[in-house]
Structure formats: C-alpha cells, structure tokens
C-alpha cells in the first residue's frame, strides 16, 4: 500500500493536470463533447491511443459529424469491431441531433453523473456503465464514477479490494465494485478519479485518457 501511495505522489502533478484538462472540456462546443463519446464507443477491447488517433482524424475532416457509418469505419482501422462501432457512432450522432445540430450538452447537463450514466447506458448503443463513466470523466462530469476496465479490475484484485476479476459486469455488480473502489480510495487518501488514472498509468506507463 505504501508503494501505491508513493507512486501516486510521483505522478500526482501529472494526474491533477489531466483532471483539469478534463474539466475544461465541458466548456467546449457540443462537437468536442461528441468526439469524446465517439472515442468511448471505440475503446472496448481496443487500445485507447489507437481509438483517439482515429477520432482526431474523423474530427479533422468533419467525417465524425457528417459522414455515414460506412465512411466513418474507414478511419477506424485498428479499432476492433470497427464496422459495428462506426454504426454506433452514427446512431449516437442521430440520437443527439436536433434540427441538424448536435445538442448533447443540453440533453445531459441538467442531471447528476449517476443519472446521466443510466441515461447513456439505456439509450446509446455501444455504451455501457464503463463507457458512460469513461465519457463523463473525460468531459469533467464523472470524477466520482469508476471506470472498471481490465486495468482497474486487475489492480483492485491486486490490492485486495475484490476477490477476483469478474467475467462480466452487470449494472448491479458494477456498482458494487465501484462502491468498494470508492471505499478503498477514501482509506488510502487518493481521490477516486485520481486512483483510476494512477492504476491505468501503472499498467500502461502513461497518464492518458
């Protein structure tokens, strides 16, 4: 445990800088918010860096906002299940479009993070609790939500927070582990959102997104 806290102190400034960058995203246009949603749709079973590079290309040429799923998928090479994820991105874009304009901030801004997570998981294909939590953290609204990907679960098992990595995460199980992770973060004095980035960086060697 002492080693974990020491590693946090070593990376703390970098983690705090990244969290501040996330908080600033909410003040940006809906197109920027949607790019983060599209990114989180892409991430399951794929490397985050590859997914974000694809999203940057899609935003750079406006295909993310105007292109069909067939056009979007051409930029998702290297992302697993790219055809299906391209379809999900197009569906999500249609869902949050009102009078030809993206209105994603208007649709989610009036609720708390837990309510928004339920809303996203229930209405956006390709988005479950993990992806919704990831998205909300990346736009500065979900620092109190856990992003239970394989890196996080592996470390929660390593530090005795959970007995083992579950094969699947139904909403009830997700919230149970999230609650345990929150208790652990309180115990060791590392904020939940920081702990997520710390675990991720310990596995990957970098603080990313």
Protein backbone atom coordinates (compact mmCIF):
# COMPACT_ATOMS: atom_id res chain seq x y z
CA UNK A 1 0.00 0.00 0.00
CA UNK A 2 2.85 2.38 0.81
CA UNK A 3 4.28 1.78 -2.64
CA UNK A 4 0.94 2.70 -4.20
CA UNK A 5 0.79 5.96 -2.27
CA UNK A 6 4.41 6.69 -3.19
CA UNK A 7 3.64 6.07 -6.86
CA UNK A 8 0.69 8.44 -6.58
CA UNK A 9 2.87 11.18 -5.13
CA UNK A 10 5.31 10.67 -8.00
CA UNK A 11 2.56 11.03 -10.62
CA UNK A 12 0.24 13.37 -8.73
CA UNK A 13 1.05 16.58 -10.60
CA UNK A 14 0.57 14.85 -13.95
CA UNK A 15 -2.73 13.31 -12.83
CA UNK A 16 -4.04 16.63 -11.49
CA UNK A 17 -3.10 18.33 -14.77
CA UNK A 18 -5.03 15.72 -16.74
CA UNK A 19 -8.08 16.04 -14.49
CA UNK A 20 -8.02 19.81 -15.01
CA UNK A 21 -7.92 19.25 -18.78
CA UNK A 22 -10.98 17.01 -18.48
CA UNK A 23 -12.86 19.68 -16.51
CA UNK A 24 -12.25 22.23 -19.24
CA UNK A 25 -13.81 20.04 -21.94
CA UNK A 26 -17.36 20.71 -20.73
CA UNK A 27 -16.97 24.37 -21.64
CA UNK A 28 -16.22 23.49 -25.26
CA UNK A 29 -18.72 23.07 -28.15
CA UNK A 30 -21.03 20.06 -28.48
CA UNK A 31 -18.89 18.71 -31.30
CA UNK A 32 -15.96 18.36 -28.89
CA UNK A 33 -18.19 16.61 -26.34
CA UNK A 34 -19.45 14.24 -29.01
CA UNK A 35 -15.88 13.38 -30.03
CA UNK A 36 -15.30 12.09 -26.51
CA UNK A 37 -18.46 9.99 -26.71
CA UNK A 38 -17.35 8.53 -30.03
CA UNK A 39 -13.95 7.78 -28.51
CA UNK A 40 -15.55 5.87 -25.63
CA UNK A 41 -17.71 3.90 -28.07
CA UNK A 42 -14.50 2.80 -29.76
CA UNK A 43 -12.48 1.80 -26.69
CA UNK A 44 -13.87 -1.64 -25.71
CA UNK A 45 -11.21 -4.26 -26.49
CA UNK A 46 -9.11 -1.65 -28.31
CA UNK A 47 -6.11 0.48 -27.37
CA UNK A 48 -7.09 3.96 -26.23
CA UNK A 49 -4.29 5.62 -28.20
CA UNK A 50 -5.42 3.96 -31.43
CA UNK A 51 -9.02 4.98 -30.79
CA UNK A 52 -8.18 8.60 -30.06
CA UNK A 53 -5.94 8.86 -33.12
CA UNK A 54 -8.89 7.67 -35.22
CA UNK A 55 -11.24 10.20 -33.62
CA UNK A 56 -8.78 13.01 -34.28
CA UNK A 57 -8.72 12.10 -37.97
CA UNK A 58 -12.51 11.93 -38.07
CA UNK A 59 -12.90 15.34 -36.44
CA UNK A 60 -10.17 16.85 -38.59
CA UNK A 61 -12.00 16.09 -41.83
CA UNK A 62 -15.51 16.51 -40.35
CA UNK A 63 -16.46 12.88 -41.13
CA UNK A 64 -17.40 12.32 -37.49
CA UNK A 65 -20.15 14.93 -37.82
CA UNK A 66 -21.27 14.49 -41.41
CA UNK A 67 -20.11 11.12 -42.65
CA UNK A 68 -22.11 7.91 -42.85
CA UNK A 69 -21.18 4.83 -40.84
CA UNK A 70 -19.55 3.40 -43.96
CA UNK A 71 -17.31 6.47 -44.25
CA UNK A 72 -16.56 6.52 -40.52
CA UNK A 73 -15.45 2.89 -40.46
CA UNK A 74 -12.66 3.61 -42.94
CA UNK A 75 -10.95 5.66 -40.24
CA UNK A 76 -11.39 3.05 -37.53
CA UNK A 77 -8.82 0.58 -38.84
CA UNK A 78 -7.02 -0.87 -35.85
CA UNK A 79 -10.14 -0.49 -33.70
CA UNK A 80 -11.75 -3.86 -33.02
CA UNK A 81 -15.26 -4.36 -34.42
CA UNK A 82 -14.81 -1.13 -36.38
CA UNK A 83 -17.86 -1.65 -38.61
CA UNK A 84 -20.22 -2.11 -35.68
CA UNK A 85 -18.67 0.79 -33.76
CA UNK A 86 -19.00 3.05 -36.80
CA UNK A 87 -22.70 2.23 -36.83
CA UNK A 88 -22.97 3.01 -33.13
CA UNK A 89 -21.29 6.38 -33.66
CA UNK A 90 -23.73 7.28 -36.41
CA UNK A 91 -26.69 6.21 -34.27
CA UNK A 92 -25.39 8.22 -31.31
CA UNK A 93 -24.95 11.27 -33.51
CA UNK A 94 -28.51 10.95 -34.78
CA UNK A 95 -29.80 10.49 -31.22
CA UNK A 96 -28.20 13.73 -30.03
CA UNK A 97 -29.01 15.79 -33.13
CA UNK A 98 -31.87 18.29 -33.02
CA UNK A 99 -32.70 20.45 -36.04
CA UNK A 100 -29.43 19.44 -37.73
CA UNK A 101 -27.31 20.43 -34.72
CA UNK A 102 -25.65 18.35 -32.01
CA UNK A 103 -27.34 19.05 -28.66
CA UNK A 104 -25.57 16.60 -26.40
CA UNK A 105 -24.78 19.10 -23.62
CA UNK A 106 -28.42 20.18 -23.45
CA UNK A 107 -29.55 16.55 -23.15
CA UNK A 108 -27.24 15.55 -20.30
CA UNK A 109 -26.30 18.74 -18.45
CA UNK A 110 -29.23 19.01 -16.03
CA UNK A 111 -28.73 15.63 -14.33
CA UNK A 112 -26.16 14.34 -11.87
CA UNK A 113 -23.43 12.00 -13.11
CA UNK A 114 -25.12 8.81 -11.92
CA UNK A 115 -28.38 9.74 -13.65
CA UNK A 116 -26.54 10.62 -16.85
CA UNK A 117 -24.74 7.29 -16.77
CA UNK A 118 -28.07 5.48 -16.56
CA UNK A 119 -29.44 7.61 -19.38
CA UNK A 120 -26.46 6.92 -21.66
CA UNK A 121 -26.30 3.20 -20.92
CA UNK A 122 -30.01 2.88 -21.57
CA UNK A 123 -30.18 4.92 -24.77
CA UNK A 124 -26.86 4.86 -26.62
CA UNK A 125 -25.82 1.66 -28.36
CA UNK A 126 -22.26 0.65 -27.61
CA UNK A 127 -22.32 2.46 -24.27
CA UNK A 128 -22.50 0.55 -21.00
CA UNK A 129 -21.65 1.64 -17.47
CA UNK A 130 -17.89 1.53 -18.10
CA UNK A 131 -18.03 3.53 -21.33
CA UNK A 132 -20.51 6.04 -19.88
CA UNK A 133 -18.32 6.53 -16.80
CA UNK A 134 -15.27 6.98 -19.03
CA UNK A 135 -17.07 9.54 -21.18
CA UNK A 136 -18.33 11.55 -18.21
CA UNK A 137 -14.90 11.60 -16.61
CA UNK A 138 -13.36 12.81 -19.89
CA UNK A 139 -15.77 15.76 -20.11
CA UNK A 140 -15.30 16.76 -16.49
CA UNK A 141 -18.56 15.42 -15.06
CA UNK A 142 -17.65 11.99 -13.71
CA UNK A 143 -14.78 12.23 -11.23
CA UNK A 144 -16.91 10.29 -8.73
CA UNK A 145 -17.56 7.40 -11.12
CA UNK A 146 -15.35 4.33 -11.50
CA UNK A 147 -14.16 3.22 -14.94
CA UNK A 148 -13.94 -0.52 -14.40
CA UNK A 149 -11.83 -1.69 -17.32
CA UNK A 150 -9.41 -4.60 -17.18
CA UNK A 151 -6.54 -2.44 -15.89
CA UNK A 152 -8.58 -1.15 -12.97
CA UNK A 153 -10.10 -4.53 -12.08
CA UNK A 154 -6.71 -6.19 -12.18
CA UNK A 155 -5.34 -3.68 -9.68
CA UNK A 156 -8.40 -3.85 -7.47
CA UNK A 157 -7.80 -7.57 -7.21
CA UNK A 158 -4.09 -7.00 -6.61
CA UNK A 159 -4.79 -4.73 -3.64
CA UNK A 160 -7.48 -6.95 -2.17
CA UNK A 161 -10.43 -4.70 -2.94
CA UNK A 162 -12.16 -7.51 -4.84
CA UNK A 163 -11.62 -11.26 -4.64
CA UNK A 164 -11.18 -11.71 -8.37
CA UNK A 165 -11.84 -10.14 -11.74
CA UNK A 166 -15.44 -10.93 -12.75
CA UNK A 167 -16.11 -12.41 -16.17
CA UNK A 168 -18.91 -9.91 -16.77
CA UNK A 169 -20.20 -6.74 -15.13
CA UNK A 170 -23.95 -6.37 -14.88
CA UNK A 171 -25.03 -2.95 -13.54
CA UNK A 172 -25.57 -4.25 -10.01
CA UNK A 173 -22.13 -5.88 -9.90
CA UNK A 174 -20.56 -2.78 -11.43
CA UNK A 175 -21.99 -0.54 -8.71
CA UNK A 176 -20.93 -2.99 -6.01
CA UNK A 177 -17.29 -2.91 -7.17
CA UNK A 178 -17.50 0.84 -7.72
CA UNK A 179 -18.58 1.25 -4.09
CA UNK A 180 -15.66 -0.89 -2.91
CA UNK A 181 -13.24 1.11 -5.02
CA UNK A 182 -14.60 4.33 -3.55
CA UNK A 183 -14.12 2.97 -0.02
CA UNK A 184 -10.56 1.98 -0.90
CA UNK A 185 -9.81 5.43 -2.31
CA UNK A 186 -11.11 7.02 0.89
CA UNK A 187 -8.99 4.69 3.00
CA UNK A 188 -5.72 5.49 1.25
CA UNK A 189 -6.47 9.17 0.63
CA UNK A 190 -6.41 9.11 -3.17
CA UNK A 191 -9.49 10.59 -4.93
CA UNK A 192 -11.43 8.06 -6.99
CA UNK A 193 -10.77 9.79 -10.31
CA UNK A 194 -7.07 10.05 -9.50
CA UNK A 195 -6.91 6.39 -8.48
CA UNK A 196 -8.31 5.38 -11.84
CA UNK A 197 -5.60 7.29 -13.72
CA UNK A 198 -2.96 6.01 -11.32
CA UNK A 199 -3.87 2.37 -11.90
CA UNK A 200 -4.07 2.97 -15.64
CA UNK A 201 -0.65 4.59 -15.73
CA UNK A 202 0.85 1.78 -13.66
CA UNK A 203 -0.30 -0.69 -16.31
CA UNK A 204 0.47 1.35 -19.41
CA UNK A 205 3.31 3.61 -18.30
CA UNK A 206 1.43 6.82 -19.08
CA UNK A 207 -1.42 9.06 -17.91
CA UNK A 208 -3.67 9.21 -20.95
CA UNK A 209 -7.47 9.41 -21.08
